[in-house]
Amino acid sequence: MPPVRWPVSRSEAAWDITRGWHGDGRLRMVPVTPQPTRATTDAFYPLILNSGRIRDQWHTMTRTGAVPRLMQHIAEPMVEVAPQDAVRYQLPADGLARIWSRHG
């Protein structure tokens, strides 16, 4: 499936989006307001762990995970830490770190 550029006409849609069309022929998108994280820090958990995606996981790997070249971008699991936190916790560049959170 090729990328899709909006606006998309009904005939161009590769999926069933007809339920969202309104009488004027337009699809309404509903904006959402980002909510702050519920995660908190304390003395035992001074940082917030965000298990985000790497550059090539923008499709939650449902498509990009099947492309070997994209999976070679990062050879092994990794953790990125803000430079000031790396200094504060004495984490060397390219070193090893043991991480855990309240959730595992």
PDB file of N, CA and C in Angstrom:
ATOM      1  N   MET A   1       0.852  -1.168   0.000  1.00  0.00           N
ATOM      2  CA  MET A   1       0.000   0.000   0.000  1.00  0.00           C
ATOM      3  C   MET A   1       0.903   1.237   0.000  1.00  0.00           C
ATOM      4  N   PRO A   2       0.740   2.123  -0.956  1.00  0.00           N
ATOM      5  CA  PRO A   2       1.555   3.342  -0.998  1.00  0.00           C
ATOM      6  C   PRO A   2       1.106   4.342   0.068  1.00  0.00           C
ATOM      7  N   PRO A   3       1.951   5.315   0.391  1.00  0.00           N
ATOM      8  CA  PRO A   3       1.543   6.356   1.342  1.00  0.00           C
ATOM      9  C   PRO A   3       0.328   7.115   0.827  1.00  0.00           C
ATOM     10  N   VAL A   4      -0.416   7.707   1.731  1.00  0.00           N
ATOM     11  CA  VAL A   4      -1.625   8.448   1.380  1.00  0.00           C
ATOM     12  C   VAL A   4      -1.416   9.918   1.686  1.00  0.00           C
ATOM     13  N   ARG A   5      -1.785  10.765   0.766  1.00  0.00           N
ATOM     14  CA  ARG A   5      -1.706  12.208   0.981  1.00  0.00           C
ATOM     15  C   ARG A   5      -3.121  12.757   1.093  1.00  0.00           C
ATOM     16  N   TRP A   6      -3.370  13.493   2.156  1.00  0.00           N
ATOM     17  CA  TRP A   6      -4.687  14.089   2.363  1.00  0.00           C
ATOM     18  C   TRP A   6      -4.802  15.384   1.589  1.00  0.00           C
ATOM     19  N   PRO A   7      -5.937  15.781   1.102  1.00  0.00           N
ATOM     20  CA  PRO A   7      -7.223  15.100   1.262  1.00  0.00           C
ATOM     21  C   PRO A   7      -7.336  13.898   0.337  1.00  0.00           C
ATOM     22  N   VAL A   8      -8.108  12.918   0.744  1.00  0.00           N
ATOM     23  CA  VAL A   8      -8.317  11.692  -0.013  1.00  0.00           C
ATOM     24  C   VAL A   8      -9.762  11.665  -0.480  1.00  0.00           C
ATOM     25  N   SER A   9      -9.954  11.379  -1.760  1.00  0.00           N
ATOM     26  CA  SER A   9     -11.331  11.244  -2.251  1.00  0.00           C
ATOM     27  C   SER A   9     -11.831   9.848  -1.912  1.00  0.00           C
ATOM     28  N   ARG A  10     -13.118   9.673  -1.937  1.00  0.00           N
ATOM     29  CA  ARG A  10     -13.682   8.357  -1.621  1.00  0.00           C
ATOM     30  C   ARG A  10     -13.149   7.283  -2.558  1.00  0.00           C
ATOM     31  N   SER A  11     -12.947   7.625  -3.820  1.00  0.00           N
ATOM     32  CA  SER A  11     -12.477   6.623  -4.776  1.00  0.00           C
ATOM     33  C   SER A  11     -11.012   6.271  -4.548  1.00  0.00           C
ATOM     34  N   GLU A  12     -10.249   7.158  -3.937  1.00  0.00           N
ATOM     35  CA  GLU A  12      -8.833   6.890  -3.695  1.00  0.00           C
ATOM     36  C   GLU A  12      -8.579   6.140  -2.394  1.00  0.00           C
ATOM     37  N   ALA A  13      -9.535   6.145  -1.501  1.00  0.00           N
ATOM     38  CA  ALA A  13      -9.329   5.550  -0.185  1.00  0.00           C
ATOM     39  C   ALA A  13      -9.099   4.049  -0.300  1.00  0.00           C
ATOM     40  N   ALA A  14      -8.017   3.587   0.309  1.00  0.00           N
ATOM     41  CA  ALA A  14      -7.681   2.167   0.268  1.00  0.00           C
ATOM     42  C   ALA A  14      -8.324   1.411   1.426  1.00  0.00           C
ATOM     43  N   TRP A  15      -9.043   2.107   2.265  1.00  0.00           N
ATOM     44  CA  TRP A  15      -9.717   1.490   3.401  1.00  0.00           C
ATOM     45  C   TRP A  15     -11.095   2.112   3.532  1.00  0.00           C
ATOM     46  N   ASP A  16     -11.923   1.520   4.341  1.00  0.00           N
ATOM     47  CA  ASP A  16     -13.298   1.999   4.475  1.00  0.00           C
ATOM     48  C   ASP A  16     -13.363   3.173   5.440  1.00  0.00           C
ATOM     49  N   ILE A  17     -13.380   4.368   4.886  1.00  0.00           N
ATOM     50  CA  ILE A  17     -13.512   5.555   5.728  1.00  0.00           C
ATOM     51  C   ILE A  17     -14.840   6.250   5.468  1.00  0.00           C
ATOM     52  N   THR A  18     -15.733   5.562   4.784  1.00  0.00           N
ATOM     53  CA  THR A  18     -16.990   6.207   4.391  1.00  0.00           C
ATOM     54  C   THR A  18     -17.851   6.583   5.584  1.00  0.00           C
ATOM     55  N   ARG A  19     -17.679   5.951   6.725  1.00  0.00           N
ATOM     56  CA  ARG A  19     -18.492   6.292   7.886  1.00  0.00           C
ATOM     57  C   ARG A  19     -18.164   7.684   8.417  1.00  0.00           C
ATOM     58  N   GLY A  20     -16.995   8.196   8.094  1.00  0.00           N
ATOM     59  CA  GLY A  20     -16.612   9.507   8.594  1.00  0.00           C
ATOM     60  C   GLY A  20     -16.992  10.664   7.691  1.00  0.00           C
ATOM     61  N   TRP A  21     -17.440  10.364   6.458  1.00  0.00           N
ATOM     62  CA  TRP A  21     -17.783  11.424   5.520  1.00  0.00           C
ATOM     63  C   TRP A  21     -19.066  12.124   5.943  1.00  0.00           C
ATOM     64  N   HIS A  22     -19.096  13.417   5.744  1.00  0.00           N
ATOM     65  CA  HIS A  22     -20.285  14.211   6.054  1.00  0.00           C
ATOM     66  C   HIS A  22     -20.958  14.634   4.755  1.00  0.00           C
ATOM     67  N   GLY A  23     -22.121  15.236   4.856  1.00  0.00           N
ATOM     68  CA  GLY A  23     -22.901  15.624   3.690  1.00  0.00           C
ATOM     69  C   GLY A  23     -22.172  16.546   2.735  1.00  0.00           C
ATOM     70  N   ASP A  24     -21.208  17.309   3.234  1.00  0.00           N
ATOM     71  CA  ASP A  24     -20.473  18.222   2.358  1.00  0.00           C
ATOM     72  C   ASP A  24     -19.315  17.530   1.646  1.00  0.00           C
ATOM     73  N   GLY A  25     -19.206  16.204   1.797  1.00  0.00           N
ATOM     74  CA  GLY A  25     -18.151  15.466   1.117  1.00  0.00           C
ATOM     75  C   GLY A  25     -16.817  15.496   1.827  1.00  0.00           C
ATOM     76  N   ARG A  26     -16.795  16.015   3.031  1.00  0.00           N
ATOM     77  CA  ARG A  26     -15.538  16.100   3.769  1.00  0.00           C
ATOM     78  C   ARG A  26     -15.528  15.126   4.943  1.00  0.00           C
ATOM     79  N   LEU A  27     -14.347  14.716   5.285  1.00  0.00           N
ATOM     80  CA  LEU A  27     -14.150  13.859   6.443  1.00  0.00           C
ATOM     81  C   LEU A  27     -13.761  14.744   7.613  1.00  0.00           C
ATOM     82  N   ARG A  28     -14.396  14.573   8.735  1.00  0.00           N
ATOM     83  CA  ARG A  28     -14.077  15.374   9.917  1.00  0.00           C
ATOM     84  C   ARG A  28     -13.033  14.645  10.756  1.00  0.00           C
ATOM     85  N   MET A  29     -11.965  15.320  11.041  1.00  0.00           N
ATOM     86  CA  MET A  29     -10.962  14.793  11.957  1.00  0.00           C
ATOM     87  C   MET A  29     -11.195  15.457  13.304  1.00  0.00           C
ATOM     88  N   VAL A  30     -11.055  14.706  14.346  1.00  0.00           N
ATOM     89  CA  VAL A  30     -11.310  15.218  15.685  1.00  0.00           C
ATOM     90  C   VAL A  30      -9.975  15.487  16.368  1.00  0.00           C
ATOM     91  N   PRO A  31      -9.669  16.745  16.627  1.00  0.00           N
ATOM     92  CA  PRO A  31      -8.403  17.039  17.315  1.00  0.00           C
ATOM     93  C   PRO A  31      -8.505  16.627  18.781  1.00  0.00           C
ATOM     94  N   VAL A  32      -7.409  16.189  19.313  1.00  0.00           N
ATOM     95  CA  VAL A  32      -7.380  15.825  20.730  1.00  0.00           C
ATOM     96  C   VAL A  32      -6.344  16.689  21.433  1.00  0.00           C
ATOM     97  N   THR A  33      -6.577  16.930  22.681  1.00  0.00           N
ATOM     98  CA  THR A  33      -5.636  17.696  23.487  1.00  0.00           C
ATOM     99  C   THR A  33      -4.717  16.722  24.204  1.00  0.00           C
ATOM    100  N   PRO A  34      -3.412  16.839  24.004  1.00  0.00           N
ATOM    101  CA  PRO A  34      -2.492  15.933  24.701  1.00  0.00           C
ATOM    102  C   PRO A  34      -2.654  16.059  26.213  1.00  0.00           C
ATOM    103  N   GLN A  35      -2.584  14.937  26.879  1.00  0.00           N
ATOM    104  CA  GLN A  35      -2.696  14.923  28.330  1.00  0.00           C
ATOM    105  C   GLN A  35      -1.312  14.711  28.940  1.00  0.00           C
ATOM    106  N   PRO A  36      -1.032  15.360  30.050  1.00  0.00           N
ATOM    107  CA  PRO A  36       0.263  15.130  30.696  1.00  0.00           C
ATOM    108  C   PRO A  36       0.350  13.695  31.206  1.00  0.00           C
ATOM    109  N   THR A  37       1.560  13.208  31.300  1.00  0.00           N
ATOM    110  CA  THR A  37       1.763  11.848  31.785  1.00  0.00           C
ATOM    111  C   THR A  37       1.309  11.712  33.233  1.00  0.00           C
ATOM    112  N   ARG A  38       0.872  10.535  33.577  1.00  0.00           N
ATOM    113  CA  ARG A  38       0.498  10.261  34.965  1.00  0.00           C
ATOM    114  C   ARG A  38       1.702   9.766  35.759  1.00  0.00           C
ATOM    115  N   ALA A  39       2.778   9.492  35.056  1.00  0.00           N
ATOM    116  CA  ALA A  39       3.980   8.991  35.724  1.00  0.00           C
ATOM    117  C   ALA A  39       4.541  10.047  36.664  1.00  0.00           C
ATOM    118  N   THR A  40       5.036   9.584  37.784  1.00  0.00           N
ATOM    119  CA  THR A  40       5.638  10.484  38.766  1.00  0.00           C
ATOM    120  C   THR A  40       7.022   9.974  39.130  1.00  0.00           C
ATOM    121  N   THR A  41       7.810  10.836  39.688  1.00  0.00           N
ATOM    122  CA  THR A  41       9.142  10.458  40.144  1.00  0.00           C
ATOM    123  C   THR A  41       9.192  10.525  41.662  1.00  0.00           C
ATOM    124  N   ASP A  42      10.158   9.816  42.219  1.00  0.00           N
ATOM    125  CA  ASP A  42      10.426   9.887  43.653  1.00  0.00           C
ATOM    126  C   ASP A  42      11.892   9.510  43.858  1.00  0.00           C
ATOM    127  N   ALA A  43      12.313   9.337  45.101  1.00  0.00           N
ATOM    128  CA  ALA A  43      13.721   9.044  45.382  1.00  0.00           C
ATOM    129  C   ALA A  43      14.160   7.712  44.768  1.00  0.00           C
ATOM    130  N   PHE A  44      13.280   6.724  44.737  1.00  0.00           N
ATOM    131  CA  PHE A  44      13.644   5.414  44.196  1.00  0.00           C
ATOM    132  C   PHE A  44      13.532   5.369  42.674  1.00  0.00           C
ATOM    133  N   TYR A  45      12.607   6.107  42.107  1.00  0.00           N
ATOM    134  CA  TYR A  45      12.416   6.194  40.653  1.00  0.00           C
ATOM    135  C   TYR A  45      12.555   7.658  40.238  1.00  0.00           C
ATOM    136  N   PRO A  46      13.796   8.137  40.130  1.00  0.00           N
ATOM    137  CA  PRO A  46      14.001   9.566  39.865  1.00  0.00           C
ATOM    138  C   PRO A  46      13.765   9.988  38.410  1.00  0.00           C
ATOM    139  N   LEU A  47      13.665   9.029  37.512  1.00  0.00           N
ATOM    140  CA  LEU A  47      13.456   9.336  36.094  1.00  0.00           C
ATOM    141  C   LEU A  47      12.179   8.656  35.610  1.00  0.00           C
ATOM    142  N   ILE A  48      11.628   9.163  34.540  1.00  0.00           N
ATOM    143  CA  ILE A  48      10.452   8.545  33.923  1.00  0.00           C
ATOM    144  C   ILE A  48      10.918   7.763  32.703  1.00  0.00           C
ATOM    145  N   LEU A  49      10.578   6.490  32.665  1.00  0.00           N
ATOM    146  CA  LEU A  49      10.947   5.625  31.552  1.00  0.00           C
ATOM    147  C   LEU A  49       9.870   5.707  30.480  1.00  0.00           C
ATOM    148  N   ASN A  50      10.283   6.046  29.290  1.00  0.00           N
ATOM    149  CA  ASN A  50       9.369   6.114  28.153  1.00  0.00           C
ATOM    150  C   ASN A  50       9.844   5.090  27.141  1.00  0.00           C
ATOM    151  N   SER A  51       9.081   4.056  26.943  1.00  0.00           N
ATOM    152  CA  SER A  51       9.482   3.025  25.983  1.00  0.00           C
ATOM    153  C   SER A  51       8.997   3.432  24.598  1.00  0.00           C
ATOM    154  N   GLY A  52       9.611   4.445  24.055  1.00  0.00           N
ATOM    155  CA  GLY A  52       9.232   4.977  22.756  1.00  0.00           C
ATOM    156  C   GLY A  52       9.726   4.112  21.620  1.00  0.00           C
ATOM    157  N   ARG A  53       9.527   4.573  20.427  1.00  0.00           N
ATOM    158  CA  ARG A  53       9.912   3.826  19.243  1.00  0.00           C
ATOM    159  C   ARG A  53      11.195   4.383  18.654  1.00  0.00           C
ATOM    160  N   ILE A  54      11.912   3.503  17.965  1.00  0.00           N
ATOM    161  CA  ILE A  54      13.077   3.968  17.226  1.00  0.00           C
ATOM    162  C   ILE A  54      12.603   4.588  15.913  1.00  0.00           C
ATOM    163  N   ARG A  55      13.505   5.193  15.221  1.00  0.00           N
ATOM    164  CA  ARG A  55      13.175   5.926  14.001  1.00  0.00           C
ATOM    165  C   ARG A  55      12.327   5.123  13.016  1.00  0.00           C
ATOM    166  N   ASP A  56      12.646   3.861  12.825  1.00  0.00           N
ATOM    167  CA  ASP A  56      11.995   3.077  11.783  1.00  0.00           C
ATOM    168  C   ASP A  56      10.779   2.292  12.261  1.00  0.00           C
ATOM    169  N   GLN A  57      10.262   2.598  13.438  1.00  0.00           N
ATOM    170  CA  GLN A  57       9.080   1.900  13.937  1.00  0.00           C
ATOM    171  C   GLN A  57       7.833   2.766  13.841  1.00  0.00           C
ATOM    172  N   TRP A  58       7.783   3.680  12.928  1.00  0.00           N
ATOM    173  CA  TRP A  58       6.652   4.597  12.849  1.00  0.00           C
ATOM    174  C   TRP A  58       5.355   3.912  12.472  1.00  0.00           C
ATOM    175  N   HIS A  59       5.394   2.680  12.010  1.00  0.00           N
ATOM    176  CA  HIS A  59       4.180   1.926  11.694  1.00  0.00           C
ATOM    177  C   HIS A  59       3.911   0.872  12.759  1.00  0.00           C
ATOM    178  N   THR A  60       4.409   1.063  13.949  1.00  0.00           N
ATOM    179  CA  THR A  60       4.346   0.061  15.022  1.00  0.00           C
ATOM    180  C   THR A  60       4.869  -1.276  14.535  1.00  0.00           C
ATOM    181  N   MET A  61       5.715  -1.232  13.550  1.00  0.00           N
ATOM    182  CA  MET A  61       6.387  -2.380  12.959  1.00  0.00           C
ATOM    183  C   MET A  61       5.451  -3.331  12.224  1.00  0.00           C
ATOM    184  N   THR A  62       4.186  -2.983  12.037  1.00  0.00           N
ATOM    185  CA  THR A  62       3.302  -3.851  11.270  1.00  0.00           C
ATOM    186  C   THR A  62       3.729  -3.900   9.813  1.00  0.00           C
ATOM    187  N   ARG A  63       4.345  -2.837   9.349  1.00  0.00           N
ATOM    188  CA  ARG A  63       4.868  -2.822   7.980  1.00  0.00           C
ATOM    189  C   ARG A  63       6.384  -2.720   7.984  1.00  0.00           C
ATOM    190  N   THR A  64       6.922  -1.802   8.765  1.00  0.00           N
ATOM    191  CA  THR A  64       8.366  -1.591   8.747  1.00  0.00           C
ATOM    192  C   THR A  64       9.125  -2.760   9.353  1.00  0.00           C
ATOM    193  N   GLY A  65       8.488  -3.532  10.232  1.00  0.00           N
ATOM    194  CA  GLY A  65       9.156  -4.676  10.840  1.00  0.00           C
ATOM    195  C   GLY A  65       9.477  -5.772   9.842  1.00  0.00           C
ATOM    196  N   ALA A  66       8.848  -5.746   8.692  1.00  0.00           N
ATOM    197  CA  ALA A  66       9.082  -6.756   7.662  1.00  0.00           C
ATOM    198  C   ALA A  66      10.155  -6.329   6.664  1.00  0.00           C
ATOM    199  N   VAL A  67      10.778  -5.185   6.890  1.00  0.00           N
ATOM    200  CA  VAL A  67      11.799  -4.680   5.969  1.00  0.00           C
ATOM    201  C   VAL A  67      13.163  -4.811   6.648  1.00  0.00           C
ATOM    202  N   PRO A  68      13.964  -5.814   6.257  1.00  0.00           N
ATOM    203  CA  PRO A  68      15.238  -6.062   6.934  1.00  0.00           C
ATOM    204  C   PRO A  68      16.149  -4.838   7.011  1.00  0.00           C
ATOM    205  N   ARG A  69      16.194  -4.053   5.958  1.00  0.00           N
ATOM    206  CA  ARG A  69      17.081  -2.883   5.959  1.00  0.00           C
ATOM    207  C   ARG A  69      16.725  -1.913   7.089  1.00  0.00           C
ATOM    208  N   LEU A  70      15.436  -1.726   7.338  1.00  0.00           N
ATOM    209  CA  LEU A  70      15.022  -0.824   8.403  1.00  0.00           C
ATOM    210  C   LEU A  70      15.345  -1.394   9.775  1.00  0.00           C
ATOM    211  N   MET A  71      15.310  -2.702   9.904  1.00  0.00           N
ATOM    212  CA  MET A  71      15.588  -3.324  11.193  1.00  0.00           C
ATOM    213  C   MET A  71      17.078  -3.306  11.528  1.00  0.00           C
ATOM    214  N   GLN A  72      17.932  -2.932  10.578  1.00  0.00           N
ATOM    215  CA  GLN A  72      19.371  -2.877  10.813  1.00  0.00           C
ATOM    216  C   GLN A  72      19.819  -1.508  11.305  1.00  0.00           C
ATOM    217  N   HIS A  73      18.899  -0.588  11.437  1.00  0.00           N
ATOM    218  CA  HIS A  73      19.230   0.769  11.887  1.00  0.00           C
ATOM    219  C   HIS A  73      19.894   0.750  13.262  1.00  0.00           C
ATOM    220  N   ILE A  74      19.377  -0.059  14.171  1.00  0.00           N
ATOM    221  CA  ILE A  74      19.947  -0.200  15.510  1.00  0.00           C
ATOM    222  C   ILE A  74      20.155  -1.689  15.744  1.00  0.00           C
ATOM    223  N   ALA A  75      21.394  -2.067  16.046  1.00  0.00           N
ATOM    224  CA  ALA A  75      21.756  -3.478  16.127  1.00  0.00           C
ATOM    225  C   ALA A  75      21.257  -4.177  17.387  1.00  0.00           C
ATOM    226  N   GLU A  76      21.010  -3.433  18.447  1.00  0.00           N
ATOM    227  CA  GLU A  76      20.622  -4.050  19.713  1.00  0.00           C
ATOM    228  C   GLU A  76      19.750  -3.090  20.512  1.00  0.00           C
ATOM    229  N   PRO A  77      19.071  -3.590  21.528  1.00  0.00           N
ATOM    230  CA  PRO A  77      18.259  -2.692  22.356  1.00  0.00           C
ATOM    231  C   PRO A  77      19.118  -1.574  22.936  1.00  0.00           C
ATOM    232  N   MET A  78      18.527  -0.417  23.122  1.00  0.00           N
ATOM    233  CA  MET A  78      19.288   0.729  23.611  1.00  0.00           C
ATOM    234  C   MET A  78      18.421   1.616  24.485  1.00  0.00           C
ATOM    235  N   VAL A  79      19.081   2.456  25.243  1.00  0.00           N
ATOM    236  CA  VAL A  79      18.411   3.432  26.095  1.00  0.00           C
ATOM    237  C   VAL A  79      19.017   4.787  25.780  1.00  0.00           C
ATOM    238  N   GLU A  80      18.175   5.772  25.580  1.00  0.00           N
ATOM    239  CA  GLU A  80      18.657   7.142  25.420  1.00  0.00           C
ATOM    240  C   GLU A  80      18.333   7.909  26.689  1.00  0.00           C
ATOM    241  N   VAL A  81      19.308   8.664  27.137  1.00  0.00           N
ATOM    242  CA  VAL A  81      19.165   9.442  28.365  1.00  0.00           C
ATOM    243  C   VAL A  81      19.554  10.878  28.050  1.00  0.00           C
ATOM    244  N   ALA A  82      18.830  11.818  28.608  1.00  0.00           N
ATOM    245  CA  ALA A  82      19.183  13.227  28.426  1.00  0.00           C
ATOM    246  C   ALA A  82      20.611  13.447  28.926  1.00  0.00           C
ATOM    247  N   PRO A  83      21.396  14.250  28.221  1.00  0.00           N
ATOM    248  CA  PRO A  83      22.798  14.458  28.612  1.00  0.00           C
ATOM    249  C   PRO A  83      22.973  14.857  30.077  1.00  0.00           C
ATOM    250  N   GLN A  84      22.120  15.751  30.573  1.00  0.00           N
ATOM    251  CA  GLN A  84      22.280  16.175  31.968  1.00  0.00           C
ATOM    252  C   GLN A  84      21.985  15.037  32.943  1.00  0.00           C
ATOM    253  N   ASP A  85      21.079  14.129  32.587  1.00  0.00           N
ATOM    254  CA  ASP A  85      20.813  12.970  33.444  1.00  0.00           C
ATOM    255  C   ASP A  85      21.964  11.971  33.376  1.00  0.00           C
ATOM    256  N   ALA A  86      22.561  11.810  32.211  1.00  0.00           N
ATOM    257  CA  ALA A  86      23.714  10.915  32.083  1.00  0.00           C
ATOM    258  C   ALA A  86      24.856  11.389  32.973  1.00  0.00           C
ATOM    259  N   VAL A  87      25.088  12.686  33.005  1.00  0.00           N
ATOM    260  CA  VAL A  87      26.132  13.236  33.880  1.00  0.00           C
ATOM    261  C   VAL A  87      25.747  13.022  35.336  1.00  0.00           C
ATOM    262  N   ARG A  88      24.526  13.351  35.676  1.00  0.00           N
ATOM    263  CA  ARG A  88      24.069  13.236  37.069  1.00  0.00           C
ATOM    264  C   ARG A  88      24.195  11.814  37.607  1.00  0.00           C
ATOM    265  N   TYR A  89      23.878  10.822  36.780  1.00  0.00           N
ATOM    266  CA  TYR A  89      23.920   9.431  37.225  1.00  0.00           C
ATOM    267  C   TYR A  89      25.178   8.703  36.765  1.00  0.00           C
ATOM    268  N   GLN A  90      26.136   9.446  36.270  1.00  0.00           N
ATOM    269  CA  GLN A  90      27.450   8.926  35.870  1.00  0.00           C
ATOM    270  C   GLN A  90      27.331   7.762  34.883  1.00  0.00           C
ATOM    271  N   LEU A  91      26.536   7.968  33.859  1.00  0.00           N
ATOM    272  CA  LEU A  91      26.366   6.961  32.816  1.00  0.00           C
ATOM    273  C   LEU A  91      27.316   7.265  31.667  1.00  0.00           C
ATOM    274  N   PRO A  92      28.273   6.377  31.400  1.00  0.00           N
ATOM    275  CA  PRO A  92      29.214   6.633  30.306  1.00  0.00           C
ATOM    276  C   PRO A  92      28.559   6.427  28.940  1.00  0.00           C
ATOM    277  N   ALA A  93      29.018   7.172  27.964  1.00  0.00           N
ATOM    278  CA  ALA A  93      28.530   6.992  26.593  1.00  0.00           C
ATOM    279  C   ALA A  93      28.852   5.574  26.149  1.00  0.00           C
ATOM    280  N   ASP A  94      27.925   4.939  25.474  1.00  0.00           N
ATOM    281  CA  ASP A  94      28.082   3.566  24.981  1.00  0.00           C
ATOM    282  C   ASP A  94      28.330   2.557  26.091  1.00  0.00           C
ATOM    283  N   GLY A  95      27.952   2.893  27.316  1.00  0.00           N
ATOM    284  CA  GLY A  95      28.104   1.961  28.428  1.00  0.00           C
ATOM    285  C   GLY A  95      26.856   1.109  28.593  1.00  0.00           C
ATOM    286  N   LEU A  96      26.841   0.337  29.641  1.00  0.00           N
ATOM    287  CA  LEU A  96      25.690  -0.501  29.953  1.00  0.00           C
ATOM    288  C   LEU A  96      24.927   0.113  31.115  1.00  0.00           C
ATOM    289  N   ALA A  97      23.636  -0.066  31.097  1.00  0.00           N
ATOM    290  CA  ALA A  97      22.807   0.445  32.187  1.00  0.00           C
ATOM    291  C   ALA A  97      21.745  -0.592  32.515  1.00  0.00           C
ATOM    292  N   ARG A  98      21.477  -0.750  33.779  1.00  0.00           N
ATOM    293  CA  ARG A  98      20.365  -1.607  34.205  1.00  0.00           C
ATOM    294  C   ARG A  98      19.197  -0.675  34.487  1.00  0.00           C
ATOM    295  N   ILE A  99      18.083  -0.940  33.848  1.00  0.00           N
ATOM    296  CA  ILE A  99      16.921  -0.067  34.034  1.00  0.00           C
ATOM    297  C   ILE A  99      15.735  -0.876  34.538  1.00  0.00           C
ATOM    298  N   TRP A 100      14.882  -0.228  35.296  1.00  0.00           N
ATOM    299  CA  TRP A 100      13.633  -0.818  35.743  1.00  0.00           C
ATOM    300  C   TRP A 100      12.687   0.298  36.108  1.00  0.00           C
ATOM    301  N   SER A 101      11.441  -0.054  36.215  1.00  0.00           N
ATOM    302  CA  SER A 101      10.426   0.933  36.559  1.00  0.00           C
ATOM    303  C   SER A 101       9.420   0.294  37.512  1.00  0.00           C
ATOM    304  N   ARG A 102       8.460   1.049  37.928  1.00  0.00           N
ATOM    305  CA  ARG A 102       7.395   0.496  38.774  1.00  0.00           C
ATOM    306  C   ARG A 102       6.644  -0.630  38.059  1.00  0.00           C
ATOM    307  N   HIS A 103       6.730  -0.638  36.760  1.00  0.00           N
ATOM    308  CA  HIS A 103       5.976  -1.603  35.956  1.00  0.00           C
ATOM    309  C   HIS A 103       6.825  -2.773  35.480  1.00  0.00           C
ATOM    310  N   GLY A 104       8.048  -2.838  35.909  1.00  0.00           N
ATOM    311  CA  GLY A 104       8.913  -3.953  35.506  1.00  0.00           C
ATOM    312  C   GLY A 104      10.239  -3.510  34.974  1.00  0.00           C
TER     313      GLY A 104
END
